[in-house]
N, C-alpha and C. Protein backbone atom coordinates (compact mmCIF):
# COMPACT_ATOMS: atom_id res chain seq x y z
N MET A 1 179.61 167.41 136.92
CA MET A 1 179.47 167.23 135.54
C MET A 1 178.20 167.93 135.16
N ASN A 2 177.99 167.97 134.07
CA ASN A 2 176.84 168.70 133.50
C ASN A 2 175.92 167.79 132.48
N THR A 3 175.19 168.40 131.56
CA THR A 3 174.33 167.50 130.62
C THR A 3 175.19 166.78 129.62
N PHE A 4 176.57 167.34 129.51
CA PHE A 4 177.52 166.35 128.62
C PHE A 4 177.61 165.08 128.99
N ALA A 5 177.61 164.81 130.39
CA ALA A 5 177.83 163.23 131.04
C ALA A 5 176.90 162.36 130.31
N ALA A 6 175.62 162.74 130.13
CA ALA A 6 174.66 161.80 129.78
C ALA A 6 174.74 161.43 128.28
N GLU A 7 175.43 162.29 127.50
CA GLU A 7 175.63 162.00 126.06
C GLU A 7 176.90 161.43 125.93
N LEU A 8 177.82 161.24 126.43
CA LEU A 8 179.25 160.68 126.17
C LEU A 8 179.05 159.17 126.46
N ASP A 9 180.15 158.60 125.77
CA ASP A 9 180.47 157.09 125.94
C ASP A 9 180.86 157.07 127.25
N PRO A 10 180.35 155.93 128.02
CA PRO A 10 180.76 155.98 129.48
C PRO A 10 182.29 155.65 129.76
N GLU A 11 182.92 154.93 128.84
CA GLU A 11 184.42 154.73 128.93
C GLU A 11 185.16 155.94 128.84
N LEU A 12 184.80 156.76 127.77
CA LEU A 12 185.49 158.00 127.58
C LEU A 12 185.21 158.90 128.74
N LEU A 13 184.16 158.86 129.27
CA LEU A 13 183.79 159.97 130.48
C LEU A 13 184.68 159.18 131.77
N ALA A 14 184.50 157.99 131.98
CA ALA A 14 185.41 157.53 133.00
C ALA A 14 186.92 158.10 132.95
N GLU A 15 187.40 157.99 131.64
CA GLU A 15 188.75 158.23 131.42
C GLU A 15 189.12 159.81 131.86
N ILE A 16 188.17 160.53 131.48
CA ILE A 16 188.43 162.05 131.50
C ILE A 16 188.23 162.19 133.06
N VAL A 17 187.31 161.61 133.83
CA VAL A 17 187.22 161.94 135.12
C VAL A 17 188.35 161.24 135.88
N ASN A 18 189.09 160.14 135.39
CA ASN A 18 190.30 159.81 135.85
C ASN A 18 191.52 160.64 135.73
N VAL A 19 191.67 161.26 134.54
CA VAL A 19 192.71 162.20 134.33
C VAL A 19 192.42 163.50 135.16
N SER A 20 191.09 163.92 135.37
CA SER A 20 190.84 165.01 135.91
C SER A 20 191.24 164.87 137.70
N ALA A 21 190.96 163.74 137.94
CA ALA A 21 191.18 163.39 139.41
C ALA A 21 192.69 163.38 139.88
N LYS A 22 193.54 163.11 138.73
CA LYS A 22 194.94 163.11 139.11
C LYS A 22 195.71 164.60 138.91
N LEU A 23 194.91 165.49 138.55
CA LEU A 23 195.52 166.74 138.37
C LEU A 23 195.66 167.48 139.81
N PRO A 24 196.73 168.26 139.80
CA PRO A 24 196.86 168.98 141.20
C PRO A 24 195.88 170.06 141.43
N PRO A 25 195.52 170.54 142.54
CA PRO A 25 194.59 171.63 142.74
C PRO A 25 194.95 172.85 142.04
N LEU A 26 194.00 173.47 141.40
CA LEU A 26 194.25 174.82 140.78
C LEU A 26 194.74 175.84 141.93
N PRO A 27 195.63 176.80 141.65
CA PRO A 27 195.89 177.95 142.49
C PRO A 27 194.38 178.66 142.45
N SER A 28 194.31 179.35 143.54
CA SER A 28 193.01 180.13 143.79
C SER A 28 193.05 181.19 142.80
N VAL A 29 194.33 181.80 142.80
CA VAL A 29 194.35 183.00 141.71
C VAL A 29 195.47 182.86 140.85
N VAL A 30 195.22 183.33 139.63
CA VAL A 30 196.20 183.14 138.49
C VAL A 30 196.40 184.72 138.02
N ARG A 31 197.69 185.11 138.06
CA ARG A 31 197.89 186.42 137.50
C ARG A 31 198.72 186.50 136.17
N TYR A 32 198.23 187.39 135.39
CA TYR A 32 198.74 187.92 134.04
C TYR A 32 198.93 189.26 134.01
N PHE A 33 199.70 189.62 133.04
CA PHE A 33 199.96 191.08 132.75
C PHE A 33 199.23 191.63 131.41
N ASP A 34 198.40 192.51 131.78
CA ASP A 34 197.76 193.33 130.68
C ASP A 34 198.55 194.61 130.37
N ASP A 35 199.00 194.23 129.16
CA ASP A 35 200.07 195.44 128.65
C ASP A 35 199.20 196.68 128.25
N PHE A 36 198.02 196.51 127.94
CA PHE A 36 197.19 197.61 127.59
C PHE A 36 196.97 198.70 128.69
N SER A 37 196.63 198.22 129.69
CA SER A 37 196.57 198.99 130.94
C SER A 37 197.53 198.96 131.87
N ASN A 38 198.60 198.32 131.44
CA ASN A 38 199.86 198.27 132.16
C ASN A 38 199.81 197.64 133.77
N GLU A 39 198.99 196.75 133.85
CA GLU A 39 198.76 196.32 135.17
C GLU A 39 198.70 194.80 135.23
N THR A 40 198.75 194.31 136.49
CA THR A 40 198.66 192.80 136.66
C THR A 40 197.31 192.72 136.89
N ARG A 41 196.58 191.53 136.26
CA ARG A 41 195.33 191.21 136.45
C ARG A 41 195.13 189.76 137.00
N SER A 42 194.10 189.33 137.63
CA SER A 42 193.86 188.05 138.21
C SER A 42 192.65 187.48 137.65
N ILE A 43 192.80 186.11 137.57
CA ILE A 43 191.72 185.14 137.51
C ILE A 43 191.45 184.37 138.78
N ARG A 44 190.36 184.40 139.19
CA ARG A 44 189.88 183.68 140.36
C ARG A 44 189.06 182.37 139.86
N TRP A 45 189.70 181.30 140.06
CA TRP A 45 189.08 180.11 139.51
C TRP A 45 187.72 179.72 140.21
N ASP A 46 187.59 180.14 141.53
CA ASP A 46 186.34 179.94 142.04
C ASP A 46 185.13 180.76 141.87
N GLU A 47 185.42 181.61 140.92
CA GLU A 47 184.35 182.77 140.38
C GLU A 47 183.53 182.28 139.38
N GLY A 48 183.75 181.05 138.71
CA GLY A 48 183.01 180.62 137.68
C GLY A 48 183.55 180.97 136.27
N ASP A 49 182.92 182.08 135.80
CA ASP A 49 183.43 182.47 134.63
C ASP A 49 184.82 182.97 134.47
N VAL A 50 185.38 182.88 133.33
CA VAL A 50 186.85 183.07 133.06
C VAL A 50 186.78 184.39 132.22
N VAL A 51 187.41 185.55 132.68
CA VAL A 51 187.32 186.74 131.90
C VAL A 51 188.80 187.13 131.92
N LEU A 52 189.30 187.45 130.70
CA LEU A 52 190.62 188.08 130.57
C LEU A 52 190.40 189.52 130.19
N HIS A 53 190.98 190.54 130.82
CA HIS A 53 191.04 191.91 130.27
C HIS A 53 192.16 192.10 129.46
N LEU A 54 191.89 192.34 128.14
CA LEU A 54 193.01 192.45 127.31
C LEU A 54 192.73 193.63 126.13
N ASP A 55 193.48 194.54 126.04
CA ASP A 55 193.33 195.61 125.06
C ASP A 55 192.24 196.52 125.33
N GLY A 56 191.98 196.61 126.61
CA GLY A 56 190.80 197.36 127.04
C GLY A 56 189.40 196.76 126.82
N ALA A 57 189.45 195.46 126.48
CA ALA A 57 188.20 194.71 126.35
C ALA A 57 188.18 193.48 127.47
N ARG A 58 186.90 193.13 127.66
CA ARG A 58 186.82 191.89 128.56
C ARG A 58 186.50 190.69 127.61
N ILE A 59 187.25 189.65 127.72
CA ILE A 59 187.14 188.50 126.86
C ILE A 59 186.63 187.39 127.82
N ARG A 60 185.24 187.07 127.69
CA ARG A 60 184.79 186.00 128.36
C ARG A 60 185.14 184.56 127.64
N LEU A 61 185.71 183.75 128.48
CA LEU A 61 186.09 182.43 127.75
C LEU A 61 185.04 181.41 128.30
N GLU A 62 184.11 180.88 127.51
CA GLU A 62 183.12 179.96 128.09
C GLU A 62 183.57 178.50 128.15
N LEU A 63 184.41 178.36 129.02
CA LEU A 63 184.78 177.00 129.27
C LEU A 63 183.74 175.92 129.66
N TRP A 64 182.85 176.39 130.13
CA TRP A 64 181.66 175.45 130.42
C TRP A 64 181.22 174.70 129.17
N LYS A 65 181.67 175.32 128.09
CA LYS A 65 181.32 174.54 126.78
C LYS A 65 181.96 173.29 126.49
N LEU A 66 183.21 173.01 127.29
CA LEU A 66 184.02 171.96 127.13
C LEU A 66 183.51 170.94 127.93
N GLY A 67 182.52 170.91 128.63
CA GLY A 67 181.91 169.87 129.34
C GLY A 67 183.06 169.31 130.38
N PRO A 68 183.05 167.89 130.34
CA PRO A 68 183.92 167.27 131.43
C PRO A 68 185.28 167.58 131.33
N ALA A 69 185.89 168.33 130.06
CA ALA A 69 187.05 168.68 129.92
C ALA A 69 187.54 170.07 130.55
N GLU A 70 186.39 170.72 131.03
CA GLU A 70 186.70 171.97 131.72
C GLU A 70 187.85 172.02 132.69
N PRO A 71 187.68 170.99 133.68
CA PRO A 71 188.93 171.15 134.65
C PRO A 71 190.22 171.05 134.02
N ILE A 72 190.36 170.04 133.12
CA ILE A 72 191.77 169.97 132.43
C ILE A 72 192.01 171.38 131.65
N MET A 73 190.93 171.85 131.09
CA MET A 73 191.36 173.26 130.39
C MET A 73 191.84 174.34 131.35
N ARG A 74 191.20 174.21 132.50
CA ARG A 74 191.50 175.26 133.53
C ARG A 74 193.00 175.06 133.83
N GLN A 75 193.53 173.92 134.09
CA GLN A 75 194.83 173.43 134.36
C GLN A 75 195.89 174.04 133.14
N ILE A 76 195.23 173.68 132.02
CA ILE A 76 196.15 174.12 130.83
C ILE A 76 196.35 175.46 130.75
N MET A 77 195.16 176.26 131.01
CA MET A 77 195.20 177.82 130.97
C MET A 77 196.12 178.36 132.07
N THR A 78 196.13 177.77 133.32
CA THR A 78 196.92 178.26 134.27
C THR A 78 198.38 178.12 133.76
N ASP A 79 198.76 176.89 133.27
CA ASP A 79 199.98 176.74 132.74
C ASP A 79 200.48 177.73 131.54
N TRP A 80 199.55 178.03 130.68
CA TRP A 80 199.78 178.79 129.61
C TRP A 80 199.88 180.16 129.98
N LEU A 81 199.11 180.64 131.15
CA LEU A 81 199.32 182.12 131.51
C LEU A 81 200.65 182.43 132.09
N SER A 82 201.14 181.13 132.75
CA SER A 82 202.57 181.39 133.22
C SER A 82 203.68 181.42 132.19
N ARG A 83 203.39 180.85 131.10
CA ARG A 83 204.49 180.93 130.17
C ARG A 83 204.27 181.65 128.61
N HIS A 84 203.00 182.10 128.58
CA HIS A 84 202.71 182.85 127.26
C HIS A 84 201.99 184.10 127.34
N ASP A 85 201.97 184.97 126.27
CA ASP A 85 201.32 186.20 126.49
C ASP A 85 199.73 185.76 126.47
N PRO A 86 199.02 186.62 127.33
CA PRO A 86 197.64 186.42 127.68
C PRO A 86 196.88 186.37 126.33
N HIS A 87 197.26 187.14 125.32
CA HIS A 87 196.35 187.22 124.01
C HIS A 87 196.69 185.84 123.34
N THR A 88 197.76 185.17 123.32
CA THR A 88 197.91 183.82 122.78
C THR A 88 197.07 182.97 123.54
N VAL A 89 196.87 182.98 124.92
CA VAL A 89 196.16 182.14 125.84
C VAL A 89 194.81 182.34 125.45
N ALA A 90 194.30 183.57 125.21
CA ALA A 90 192.79 183.69 124.88
C ALA A 90 192.54 183.19 123.48
N ILE A 91 193.33 183.48 122.64
CA ILE A 91 193.15 182.91 121.02
C ILE A 91 193.04 181.37 121.26
N ASN A 92 194.09 180.72 121.95
CA ASN A 92 194.17 179.20 121.85
C ASN A 92 192.98 178.45 122.67
N ALA A 93 192.54 179.55 123.82
CA ALA A 93 191.37 178.84 124.56
C ALA A 93 190.02 179.00 123.68
N GLU A 94 189.83 180.24 122.91
CA GLU A 94 188.79 180.21 122.03
C GLU A 94 188.70 179.26 120.98
N ARG A 95 190.01 179.03 120.48
CA ARG A 95 189.86 177.90 119.34
C ARG A 95 189.60 176.48 119.90
N THR A 96 190.01 176.30 121.20
CA THR A 96 189.78 174.99 121.74
C THR A 96 188.13 174.82 121.84
N ILE A 97 187.53 175.94 122.45
CA ILE A 97 186.11 175.84 122.61
C ILE A 97 185.45 175.79 121.25
N LYS A 98 185.95 176.40 120.22
CA LYS A 98 185.36 176.36 118.90
C LYS A 98 185.45 174.98 118.11
N PHE A 99 186.60 174.37 118.49
CA PHE A 99 186.82 172.92 117.98
C PHE A 99 185.76 172.10 118.60
N ALA A 100 185.53 172.27 119.92
CA ALA A 100 184.44 171.33 120.60
C ALA A 100 183.26 171.55 120.13
N GLU A 101 182.89 172.92 119.66
CA GLU A 101 181.65 173.14 119.08
C GLU A 101 181.38 172.59 117.66
N ASP A 102 182.47 172.80 116.87
CA ASP A 102 182.25 172.41 115.46
C ASP A 102 182.44 170.99 115.22
N GLN A 103 183.04 170.15 116.01
CA GLN A 103 183.42 168.88 116.03
C GLN A 103 182.36 168.21 116.93
N ASP A 104 182.68 167.64 117.88
CA ASP A 104 181.80 167.36 119.03
C ASP A 104 182.64 167.16 120.23
N ILE A 105 182.00 167.18 121.16
CA ILE A 105 182.78 167.16 122.59
C ILE A 105 183.72 165.85 122.76
N GLU A 106 183.13 164.74 122.23
CA GLU A 106 183.96 163.48 122.27
C GLU A 106 185.13 163.65 121.44
N ALA A 107 185.18 164.35 120.23
CA ALA A 107 186.54 164.45 119.64
C ALA A 107 187.61 165.26 120.38
N LEU A 108 187.13 166.20 121.18
CA LEU A 108 188.18 167.11 122.13
C LEU A 108 188.53 166.11 123.22
N LEU A 109 187.54 165.34 123.77
CA LEU A 109 187.94 164.44 124.83
C LEU A 109 188.91 163.29 124.36
N ASP A 110 188.76 162.91 123.30
CA ASP A 110 189.61 161.74 122.68
C ASP A 110 190.91 162.44 122.62
N LEU A 111 191.11 163.68 122.09
CA LEU A 111 192.31 164.56 121.88
C LEU A 111 193.00 164.60 123.35
N VAL A 112 192.29 165.01 124.26
CA VAL A 112 192.76 165.27 125.49
C VAL A 112 193.34 163.95 126.29
N ILE A 113 192.82 162.92 126.05
CA ILE A 113 193.25 161.81 126.68
C ILE A 113 194.21 160.95 125.82
N SER A 114 194.50 161.38 124.61
CA SER A 114 195.34 160.65 123.79
C SER A 114 196.85 160.84 123.98
N PRO A 115 197.74 159.75 123.92
CA PRO A 115 199.17 160.08 124.02
C PRO A 115 199.48 160.94 122.79
N PRO A 116 200.60 161.72 122.77
CA PRO A 116 201.10 162.42 121.71
C PRO A 116 201.17 161.85 120.32
N HIS A 117 201.56 160.62 120.38
CA HIS A 117 201.72 159.76 119.01
C HIS A 117 200.46 159.42 118.48
N GLU A 118 199.44 159.53 119.23
CA GLU A 118 198.02 158.99 118.81
C GLU A 118 197.23 160.16 118.47
N ALA A 119 197.59 161.49 118.98
CA ALA A 119 196.81 162.64 118.77
C ALA A 119 196.46 162.99 117.34
N ARG A 120 197.52 162.62 116.50
CA ARG A 120 197.33 163.05 115.04
C ARG A 120 196.29 162.25 114.41
N THR A 121 195.94 161.23 114.95
CA THR A 121 194.71 160.42 114.32
C THR A 121 193.46 160.31 114.87
N VAL A 122 193.19 161.46 115.85
CA VAL A 122 192.00 161.64 116.31
C VAL A 122 191.04 162.16 115.29
N ASP A 123 189.83 161.67 115.02
CA ASP A 123 188.87 162.22 114.05
C ASP A 123 188.21 163.42 114.69
């Protein structure tokens, strides 16, 4: 955990830790296709920063800003990259980070642990 842990409601933090502990291990490498350079690229989760190479640019995704939700977001991104265009993944990841910055981290964490029928009511 990082400095977010000291600022969070203990029950919410415990729930996030519980959810994170139940996730399967991440693959060490996740591949995606960069259509600009016409090559397969890789993300290595053990290297810290997440950088996508798209349209000739390096897009750095600052997942650390998600605090205790970062491990969950890495799982989500792994899934997204297997099913969606990497541009869509980058946009959605950036929007998630922006949501956490604009609201507060607890709003994002509430959303992450909420069942689908309750997610609409998260403030």
